[in-house]
Amino acid sequence: MSFIREHNPSLATLADTTTLLPLAKSLGLSWSPCTVITPSDSWRICRQCIATDLENIGVGYIRRHHLLSSIKVCDLHGLSLDEICPTCNIHIKNHLNSSFHECAKLFIFKNNESKSQFKNIEYSKFVRELLLHSKSHTTSFSQVKYAIDNQLLKLGYVLGGNIHWKNLCTDVNSCLGEFTHKNKFDFSISQLHPTTSLGSVAKIAFFAFRTTDAYWQSIRGTIDNFNH
């Protein structure tokens, strides 16, 4: 709050620096209001990020890409994210920043080195980089969908001219270690649409391209095709 009082940033600056709006722009979903694309609950932390913040600047803060529900681990430290403080059992959304000083003293740091955890680290990095580079790239949802569809065609997910979404969702679940419950996948969609959730589009984009360099290269090629 002191930063806002001292610098009086515009609403556009706040949206670009404190919300998931830049991620939505990177995925062609810039129409989404901030209240929709930035969750008001399910806030989570990386214990090591909080401990490092406390050591370096005296206060812990939440990384905005950790707010996306599909992000499960910190790409910097490889730790699973906590929605509830492991020390005091208070939901992070309701946790006082000032209380992290005491809670962090009892944090236990343990990496999960499973294959799916490694892929989730890559996915978390992918999302973080999309958040940081939206200003240098402008794209529409139709361009994003075209690029993803073409990549899925190369990966063999197009059958009879249509994307085989069941196979794709099965492999996305397998890649990121999602769970099934009552025969339903944790992640399952049947099409890419402007109203598809931000996390679902991000997952599909990551699964198709794996790196932001490959993603943006495909987007630039798509834009060139659209302009000719």
C-alpha atoms as a PDB file:
ATOM      1  CA  MET A   1       0.000   0.000   0.000  1.00  0.00           C
ATOM      2  CA  SER A   2       2.874   2.410   0.718  1.00  0.00           C
ATOM      3  CA  PHE A   3       4.154   1.887  -2.843  1.00  0.00           C
ATOM      4  CA  ILE A   4       0.725   2.798  -4.245  1.00  0.00           C
ATOM      5  CA  ARG A   5       0.503   5.917  -2.061  1.00  0.00           C
ATOM      6  CA  GLU A   6       4.014   7.061  -2.998  1.00  0.00           C
ATOM      7  CA  HIS A   7       3.963   6.292  -6.742  1.00  0.00           C
ATOM      8  CA  ASN A   8       0.246   6.490  -7.581  1.00  0.00           C
ATOM      9  CA  PRO A   9       0.466   3.964 -10.447  1.00  0.00           C
ATOM     10  CA  SER A  10      -2.281   3.847 -13.056  1.00  0.00           C
ATOM     11  CA  LEU A  11      -4.821   1.018 -13.079  1.00  0.00           C
ATOM     12  CA  ALA A  12      -3.179  -0.264 -16.287  1.00  0.00           C
ATOM     13  CA  THR A  13       0.202  -0.425 -14.534  1.00  0.00           C
ATOM     14  CA  LEU A  14      -1.283  -2.224 -11.548  1.00  0.00           C
ATOM     15  CA  ALA A  15      -3.028  -4.737 -13.833  1.00  0.00           C
ATOM     16  CA  ASP A  16       0.215  -5.412 -15.718  1.00  0.00           C
ATOM     17  CA  THR A  17       2.369  -5.791 -12.622  1.00  0.00           C
ATOM     18  CA  THR A  18       0.142  -7.365  -9.970  1.00  0.00           C
ATOM     19  CA  THR A  19      -2.442  -9.512 -11.792  1.00  0.00           C
ATOM     20  CA  LEU A  20      -2.535 -12.385 -14.278  1.00  0.00           C
ATOM     21  CA  LEU A  21      -3.718 -10.073 -17.059  1.00  0.00           C
ATOM     22  CA  PRO A  22      -0.338 -10.201 -18.887  1.00  0.00           C
ATOM     23  CA  LEU A  23      -0.633 -14.003 -19.003  1.00  0.00           C
ATOM     24  CA  ALA A  24      -4.104 -13.694 -20.488  1.00  0.00           C
ATOM     25  CA  LYS A  25      -2.746 -11.280 -23.101  1.00  0.00           C
ATOM     26  CA  SER A  26       0.040 -13.709 -23.983  1.00  0.00           C
ATOM     27  CA  LEU A  27      -2.584 -16.405 -24.615  1.00  0.00           C
ATOM     28  CA  GLY A  28      -4.953 -14.167 -26.557  1.00  0.00           C
ATOM     29  CA  LEU A  29      -7.433 -13.880 -23.682  1.00  0.00           C
ATOM     30  CA  SER A  30      -7.019 -10.185 -22.922  1.00  0.00           C
ATOM     31  CA  TRP A  31     -10.789  -9.719 -22.943  1.00  0.00           C
ATOM     32  CA  SER A  32     -10.996 -11.385 -19.534  1.00  0.00           C
ATOM     33  CA  PRO A  33     -11.603  -8.998 -16.622  1.00  0.00           C
ATOM     34  CA  CYS A  34      -8.969  -9.012 -13.886  1.00  0.00           C
ATOM     35  CA  THR A  35     -11.503 -10.271 -11.355  1.00  0.00           C
ATOM     36  CA  VAL A  36     -11.947 -13.405 -13.457  1.00  0.00           C
ATOM     37  CA  ILE A  37      -8.361 -14.174 -14.465  1.00  0.00           C
ATOM     38  CA  THR A  38      -6.806 -13.365 -11.067  1.00  0.00           C
ATOM     39  CA  PRO A  39      -8.238 -15.663  -8.369  1.00  0.00           C
ATOM     40  CA  SER A  40      -9.483 -14.071  -5.174  1.00  0.00           C
ATOM     41  CA  ASP A  41      -8.923 -17.304  -3.273  1.00  0.00           C
ATOM     42  CA  SER A  42      -6.616 -20.345  -3.440  1.00  0.00           C
ATOM     43  CA  TRP A  43      -3.600 -18.155  -2.732  1.00  0.00           C
ATOM     44  CA  ARG A  44      -0.445 -20.220  -2.323  1.00  0.00           C
ATOM     45  CA  ILE A  45       3.174 -19.770  -1.368  1.00  0.00           C
ATOM     46  CA  CYS A  46       6.525 -21.400  -1.918  1.00  0.00           C
ATOM     47  CA  ARG A  47       8.139 -21.815   1.500  1.00  0.00           C
ATOM     48  CA  GLN A  48      11.613 -21.110   0.145  1.00  0.00           C
ATOM     49  CA  CYS A  49      10.444 -17.969  -1.669  1.00  0.00           C
ATOM     50  CA  ILE A  50       8.950 -16.671   1.595  1.00  0.00           C
ATOM     51  CA  ALA A  51      12.101 -17.521   3.559  1.00  0.00           C
ATOM     52  CA  THR A  52      14.281 -15.813   0.945  1.00  0.00           C
ATOM     53  CA  ASP A  53      12.041 -12.735   0.914  1.00  0.00           C
ATOM     54  CA  LEU A  54      12.223 -12.466   4.698  1.00  0.00           C
ATOM     55  CA  GLU A  55      16.004 -12.681   4.596  1.00  0.00           C
ATOM     56  CA  ASN A  56      16.442 -10.202   1.744  1.00  0.00           C
ATOM     57  CA  ILE A  57      13.679  -7.619   2.202  1.00  0.00           C
ATOM     58  CA  GLY A  58      12.108  -8.408   5.563  1.00  0.00           C
ATOM     59  CA  VAL A  59       8.664  -9.367   4.245  1.00  0.00           C
ATOM     60  CA  GLY A  60       7.279 -12.340   2.316  1.00  0.00           C
ATOM     61  CA  TYR A  61       5.064 -11.888  -0.720  1.00  0.00           C
ATOM     62  CA  ILE A  62       3.029 -14.122  -3.014  1.00  0.00           C
ATOM     63  CA  ARG A  63       4.225 -14.657  -6.590  1.00  0.00           C
ATOM     64  CA  ARG A  64       1.362 -13.900  -8.946  1.00  0.00           C
ATOM     65  CA  HIS A  65       1.982 -16.920 -11.193  1.00  0.00           C
ATOM     66  CA  HIS A  66       1.504 -19.072  -8.081  1.00  0.00           C
ATOM     67  CA  LEU A  67      -2.098 -17.823  -8.008  1.00  0.00           C
ATOM     68  CA  LEU A  68      -2.979 -19.835 -11.117  1.00  0.00           C
ATOM     69  CA  SER A  69      -4.690 -22.987  -9.864  1.00  0.00           C
ATOM     70  CA  SER A  70      -2.891 -25.191 -12.406  1.00  0.00           C
ATOM     71  CA  ILE A  71       0.515 -24.207 -10.971  1.00  0.00           C
ATOM     72  CA  LYS A  72       1.520 -26.745  -8.346  1.00  0.00           C
ATOM     73  CA  VAL A  73       5.225 -26.112  -7.769  1.00  0.00           C
ATOM     74  CA  CYS A  74       7.708 -23.250  -7.637  1.00  0.00           C
ATOM     75  CA  ASP A  75       9.873 -23.254 -10.746  1.00  0.00           C
ATOM     76  CA  LEU A  76      12.766 -21.632  -8.848  1.00  0.00           C
ATOM     77  CA  HIS A  77      12.954 -24.048  -5.911  1.00  0.00           C
ATOM     78  CA  GLY A  78      11.049 -27.166  -7.029  1.00  0.00           C
ATOM     79  CA  LEU A  79       8.873 -27.107  -3.912  1.00  0.00           C
ATOM     80  CA  SER A  80       5.165 -27.887  -3.899  1.00  0.00           C
ATOM     81  CA  LEU A  81       3.060 -24.802  -3.193  1.00  0.00           C
ATOM     82  CA  ASP A  82       1.137 -24.452   0.064  1.00  0.00           C
ATOM     83  CA  GLU A  83      -2.425 -23.130   0.178  1.00  0.00           C
ATOM     84  CA  ILE A  84      -2.404 -23.527   3.962  1.00  0.00           C
ATOM     85  CA  CYS A  85       0.511 -22.396   6.109  1.00  0.00           C
ATOM     86  CA  PRO A  86       2.350 -25.583   7.173  1.00  0.00           C
ATOM     87  CA  THR A  87       3.134 -24.053  10.557  1.00  0.00           C
ATOM     88  CA  CYS A  88      -0.090 -22.431  11.792  1.00  0.00           C
ATOM     89  CA  ASN A  89      -2.628 -24.088   9.420  1.00  0.00           C
ATOM     90  CA  ILE A  90      -4.123 -20.735   8.385  1.00  0.00           C
ATOM     91  CA  HIS A  91      -5.169 -20.365   4.753  1.00  0.00           C
ATOM     92  CA  ILE A  92      -2.610 -18.218   2.936  1.00  0.00           C
ATOM     93  CA  LYS A  93      -5.342 -15.819   1.801  1.00  0.00           C
ATOM     94  CA  ASN A  94      -6.060 -15.025   5.460  1.00  0.00           C
ATOM     95  CA  HIS A  95      -2.460 -15.183   6.639  1.00  0.00           C
ATOM     96  CA  LEU A  96      -0.867 -11.972   7.888  1.00  0.00           C
ATOM     97  CA  ASN A  97       2.409 -11.156   6.171  1.00  0.00           C
ATOM     98  CA  SER A  98       3.815 -10.113   9.520  1.00  0.00           C
ATOM     99  CA  SER A  99       3.189 -13.622  10.858  1.00  0.00           C
ATOM    100  CA  PHE A 100       5.474 -15.253   8.306  1.00  0.00           C
ATOM    101  CA  HIS A 101       8.468 -14.208  10.407  1.00  0.00           C
ATOM    102  CA  GLU A 102       7.486 -16.711  13.097  1.00  0.00           C
ATOM    103  CA  CYS A 103       5.959 -19.373  10.846  1.00  0.00           C
ATOM    104  CA  ALA A 104       8.972 -19.509   8.531  1.00  0.00           C
ATOM    105  CA  LYS A 105      11.208 -20.553  11.426  1.00  0.00           C
ATOM    106  CA  LEU A 106       9.494 -23.973  11.375  1.00  0.00           C
ATOM    107  CA  PHE A 107       9.268 -24.442   7.595  1.00  0.00           C
ATOM    108  CA  ILE A 108      10.560 -27.794   6.324  1.00  0.00           C
ATOM    109  CA  PHE A 109      11.975 -27.792   2.789  1.00  0.00           C
ATOM    110  CA  LYS A 110      11.675 -31.028   0.847  1.00  0.00           C
ATOM    111  CA  ASN A 111      11.773 -31.472  -2.912  1.00  0.00           C
ATOM    112  CA  ASN A 112       9.662 -34.012  -4.770  1.00  0.00           C
ATOM    113  CA  GLU A 113      11.868 -35.368  -7.539  1.00  0.00           C
ATOM    114  CA  SER A 114       9.214 -37.317  -9.450  1.00  0.00           C
ATOM    115  CA  LYS A 115       9.025 -37.064 -13.233  1.00  0.00           C
ATOM    116  CA  SER A 116       5.711 -35.230 -13.062  1.00  0.00           C
ATOM    117  CA  GLN A 117       7.195 -32.770 -10.572  1.00  0.00           C
ATOM    118  CA  PHE A 118       9.943 -31.920 -13.073  1.00  0.00           C
ATOM    119  CA  LYS A 119       7.337 -31.290 -15.785  1.00  0.00           C
ATOM    120  CA  ASN A 120       5.344 -29.130 -13.378  1.00  0.00           C
ATOM    121  CA  ILE A 121       8.471 -27.090 -12.711  1.00  0.00           C
ATOM    122  CA  GLU A 122       8.841 -26.574 -16.465  1.00  0.00           C
ATOM    123  CA  TYR A 123       5.181 -25.600 -16.704  1.00  0.00           C
ATOM    124  CA  SER A 124       5.521 -23.115 -13.844  1.00  0.00           C
ATOM    125  CA  LYS A 125       8.519 -21.552 -15.590  1.00  0.00           C
ATOM    126  CA  PHE A 126       6.551 -21.411 -18.864  1.00  0.00           C
ATOM    127  CA  VAL A 127       3.726 -19.474 -17.181  1.00  0.00           C
ATOM    128  CA  ARG A 128       6.113 -17.119 -15.371  1.00  0.00           C
ATOM    129  CA  GLU A 129       7.883 -16.273 -18.628  1.00  0.00           C
ATOM    130  CA  LEU A 130       4.590 -15.649 -20.444  1.00  0.00           C
ATOM    131  CA  LEU A 131       3.686 -13.210 -17.655  1.00  0.00           C
ATOM    132  CA  LEU A 132       6.927 -11.302 -18.109  1.00  0.00           C
ATOM    133  CA  HIS A 133       6.982 -11.013 -21.895  1.00  0.00           C
ATOM    134  CA  SER A 134       3.430 -10.060 -22.828  1.00  0.00           C
ATOM    135  CA  LYS A 135       4.351  -6.424 -23.512  1.00  0.00           C
ATOM    136  CA  SER A 136       6.729  -7.378 -26.305  1.00  0.00           C
ATOM    137  CA  HIS A 137       4.165  -9.595 -28.034  1.00  0.00           C
ATOM    138  CA  THR A 138       0.620  -8.820 -29.151  1.00  0.00           C
ATOM    139  CA  THR A 139      -1.588 -11.699 -30.191  1.00  0.00           C
ATOM    140  CA  SER A 140      -5.243 -12.596 -30.614  1.00  0.00           C
ATOM    141  CA  PHE A 141      -7.007 -15.761 -29.538  1.00  0.00           C
ATOM    142  CA  SER A 142      -7.534 -16.812 -33.159  1.00  0.00           C
ATOM    143  CA  GLN A 143      -3.772 -16.629 -33.700  1.00  0.00           C
ATOM    144  CA  VAL A 144      -3.076 -18.587 -30.516  1.00  0.00           C
ATOM    145  CA  LYS A 145      -5.613 -21.263 -31.468  1.00  0.00           C
ATOM    146  CA  TYR A 146      -4.189 -21.526 -34.996  1.00  0.00           C
ATOM    147  CA  ALA A 147      -0.645 -21.942 -33.654  1.00  0.00           C
ATOM    148  CA  ILE A 148      -1.684 -24.544 -31.071  1.00  0.00           C
ATOM    149  CA  ASP A 149      -3.817 -26.478 -33.581  1.00  0.00           C
ATOM    150  CA  ASN A 150      -0.902 -26.641 -36.023  1.00  0.00           C
ATOM    151  CA  GLN A 151       1.458 -27.861 -33.311  1.00  0.00           C
ATOM    152  CA  LEU A 152      -1.016 -30.500 -32.154  1.00  0.00           C
ATOM    153  CA  LEU A 153      -1.270 -31.650 -35.773  1.00  0.00           C
ATOM    154  CA  LYS A 154       2.519 -32.126 -35.824  1.00  0.00           C
ATOM    155  CA  LEU A 155       2.312 -34.057 -32.550  1.00  0.00           C
ATOM    156  CA  GLY A 156      -0.279 -36.453 -33.976  1.00  0.00           C
ATOM    157  CA  TYR A 157      -3.378 -35.357 -32.079  1.00  0.00           C
ATOM    158  CA  VAL A 158      -5.432 -34.521 -35.170  1.00  0.00           C
ATOM    159  CA  LEU A 159      -7.558 -37.418 -36.432  1.00  0.00           C
ATOM    160  CA  GLY A 160      -9.860 -37.054 -39.412  1.00  0.00           C
ATOM    161  CA  GLY A 161      -9.280 -33.321 -39.467  1.00  0.00           C
ATOM    162  CA  ASN A 162     -10.286 -32.893 -35.818  1.00  0.00           C
ATOM    163  CA  ILE A 163      -8.264 -32.719 -32.613  1.00  0.00           C
ATOM    164  CA  HIS A 164      -8.675 -35.878 -30.555  1.00  0.00           C
ATOM    165  CA  TRP A 165      -9.267 -34.100 -27.259  1.00  0.00           C
ATOM    166  CA  LYS A 166      -9.690 -37.235 -25.182  1.00  0.00           C
ATOM    167  CA  ASN A 167      -6.229 -38.505 -26.105  1.00  0.00           C
ATOM    168  CA  LEU A 168      -4.758 -35.049 -25.653  1.00  0.00           C
ATOM    169  CA  CYS A 169      -6.262 -34.545 -22.194  1.00  0.00           C
ATOM    170  CA  THR A 170      -5.119 -38.021 -21.157  1.00  0.00           C
ATOM    171  CA  ASP A 171      -1.543 -37.167 -22.136  1.00  0.00           C
ATOM    172  CA  VAL A 172      -1.655 -33.728 -20.490  1.00  0.00           C
ATOM    173  CA  ASN A 173      -2.816 -35.401 -17.284  1.00  0.00           C
ATOM    174  CA  SER A 174      -0.042 -37.953 -17.572  1.00  0.00           C
ATOM    175  CA  CYS A 175       2.593 -35.304 -18.303  1.00  0.00           C
ATOM    176  CA  LEU A 176       1.716 -33.086 -15.355  1.00  0.00           C
ATOM    177  CA  GLY A 177       0.760 -35.892 -12.972  1.00  0.00           C
ATOM    178  CA  GLU A 178      -2.899 -34.971 -12.684  1.00  0.00           C
ATOM    179  CA  PHE A 179      -5.236 -37.271 -10.804  1.00  0.00           C
ATOM    180  CA  THR A 180      -8.488 -38.937 -11.747  1.00  0.00           C
ATOM    181  CA  HIS A 181     -11.549 -38.981  -9.522  1.00  0.00           C
ATOM    182  CA  LYS A 182     -14.618 -41.110 -10.168  1.00  0.00           C
ATOM    183  CA  ASN A 183     -13.363 -41.802 -13.697  1.00  0.00           C
ATOM    184  CA  LYS A 184     -13.108 -38.087 -14.449  1.00  0.00           C
ATOM    185  CA  PHE A 185      -9.818 -36.402 -15.277  1.00  0.00           C
ATOM    186  CA  ASP A 186      -8.702 -33.471 -13.167  1.00  0.00           C
ATOM    187  CA  PHE A 187      -8.040 -31.708 -16.473  1.00  0.00           C
ATOM    188  CA  SER A 188     -10.439 -32.216 -19.363  1.00  0.00           C
ATOM    189  CA  ILE A 189     -11.630 -29.928 -22.159  1.00  0.00           C
ATOM    190  CA  SER A 190     -13.258 -30.580 -25.520  1.00  0.00           C
ATOM    191  CA  GLN A 191     -12.227 -27.471 -27.442  1.00  0.00           C
ATOM    192  CA  LEU A 192     -10.220 -24.266 -27.349  1.00  0.00           C
ATOM    193  CA  HIS A 193     -12.536 -21.290 -27.115  1.00  0.00           C
ATOM    194  CA  PRO A 194     -12.165 -17.658 -25.972  1.00  0.00           C
ATOM    195  CA  THR A 195     -14.089 -18.629 -22.833  1.00  0.00           C
ATOM    196  CA  THR A 196     -11.812 -21.586 -22.030  1.00  0.00           C
ATOM    197  CA  SER A 197     -10.195 -21.049 -18.632  1.00  0.00           C
ATOM    198  CA  LEU A 198      -6.823 -19.345 -18.452  1.00  0.00           C
ATOM    199  CA  GLY A 199      -5.234 -22.366 -16.776  1.00  0.00           C
ATOM    200  CA  SER A 200      -6.544 -24.781 -19.419  1.00  0.00           C
ATOM    201  CA  VAL A 201      -5.209 -22.714 -22.329  1.00  0.00           C
ATOM    202  CA  ALA A 202      -1.878 -22.337 -20.518  1.00  0.00           C
ATOM    203  CA  LYS A 203      -1.643 -26.113 -20.014  1.00  0.00           C
ATOM    204  CA  ILE A 204      -2.415 -26.877 -23.651  1.00  0.00           C
ATOM    205  CA  ALA A 205       0.094 -24.261 -24.843  1.00  0.00           C
ATOM    206  CA  PHE A 206       2.783 -25.691 -22.565  1.00  0.00           C
ATOM    207  CA  PHE A 207       2.076 -29.273 -23.590  1.00  0.00           C
ATOM    208  CA  ALA A 208       2.226 -28.312 -27.267  1.00  0.00           C
ATOM    209  CA  PHE A 209       5.368 -26.151 -27.166  1.00  0.00           C
ATOM    210  CA  ARG A 210       7.132 -26.837 -23.823  1.00  0.00           C
ATOM    211  CA  THR A 211       9.117 -23.566 -23.997  1.00  0.00           C
ATOM    212  CA  THR A 212       8.119 -19.935 -24.430  1.00  0.00           C
ATOM    213  CA  ASP A 213      10.718 -19.542 -27.188  1.00  0.00           C
ATOM    214  CA  ALA A 214       8.993 -22.237 -29.244  1.00  0.00           C
ATOM    215  CA  TYR A 215       5.577 -20.752 -28.417  1.00  0.00           C
ATOM    216  CA  TRP A 216       6.445 -17.210 -29.490  1.00  0.00           C
ATOM    217  CA  GLN A 217       8.237 -18.441 -32.602  1.00  0.00           C
ATOM    218  CA  SER A 218       5.059 -20.223 -33.650  1.00  0.00           C
ATOM    219  CA  ILE A 219       2.925 -17.180 -32.820  1.00  0.00           C
ATOM    220  CA  ARG A 220       5.171 -14.940 -34.945  1.00  0.00           C
ATOM    221  CA  GLY A 221       4.890 -17.386 -37.824  1.00  0.00           C
ATOM    222  CA  THR A 222       1.130 -17.451 -37.424  1.00  0.00           C
ATOM    223  CA  ILE A 223       0.909 -13.652 -37.440  1.00  0.00           C
ATOM    224  CA  ASP A 224       2.971 -13.587 -40.647  1.00  0.00           C
ATOM    225  CA  ASN A 225       0.556 -16.080 -42.234  1.00  0.00           C
ATOM    226  CA  PHE A 226      -2.422 -13.989 -41.136  1.00  0.00           C
ATOM    227  CA  ASN A 227      -0.884 -10.866 -42.674  1.00  0.00           C
ATOM    228  CA  HIS A 228      -0.341 -12.428 -46.099  1.00  0.00           C
END
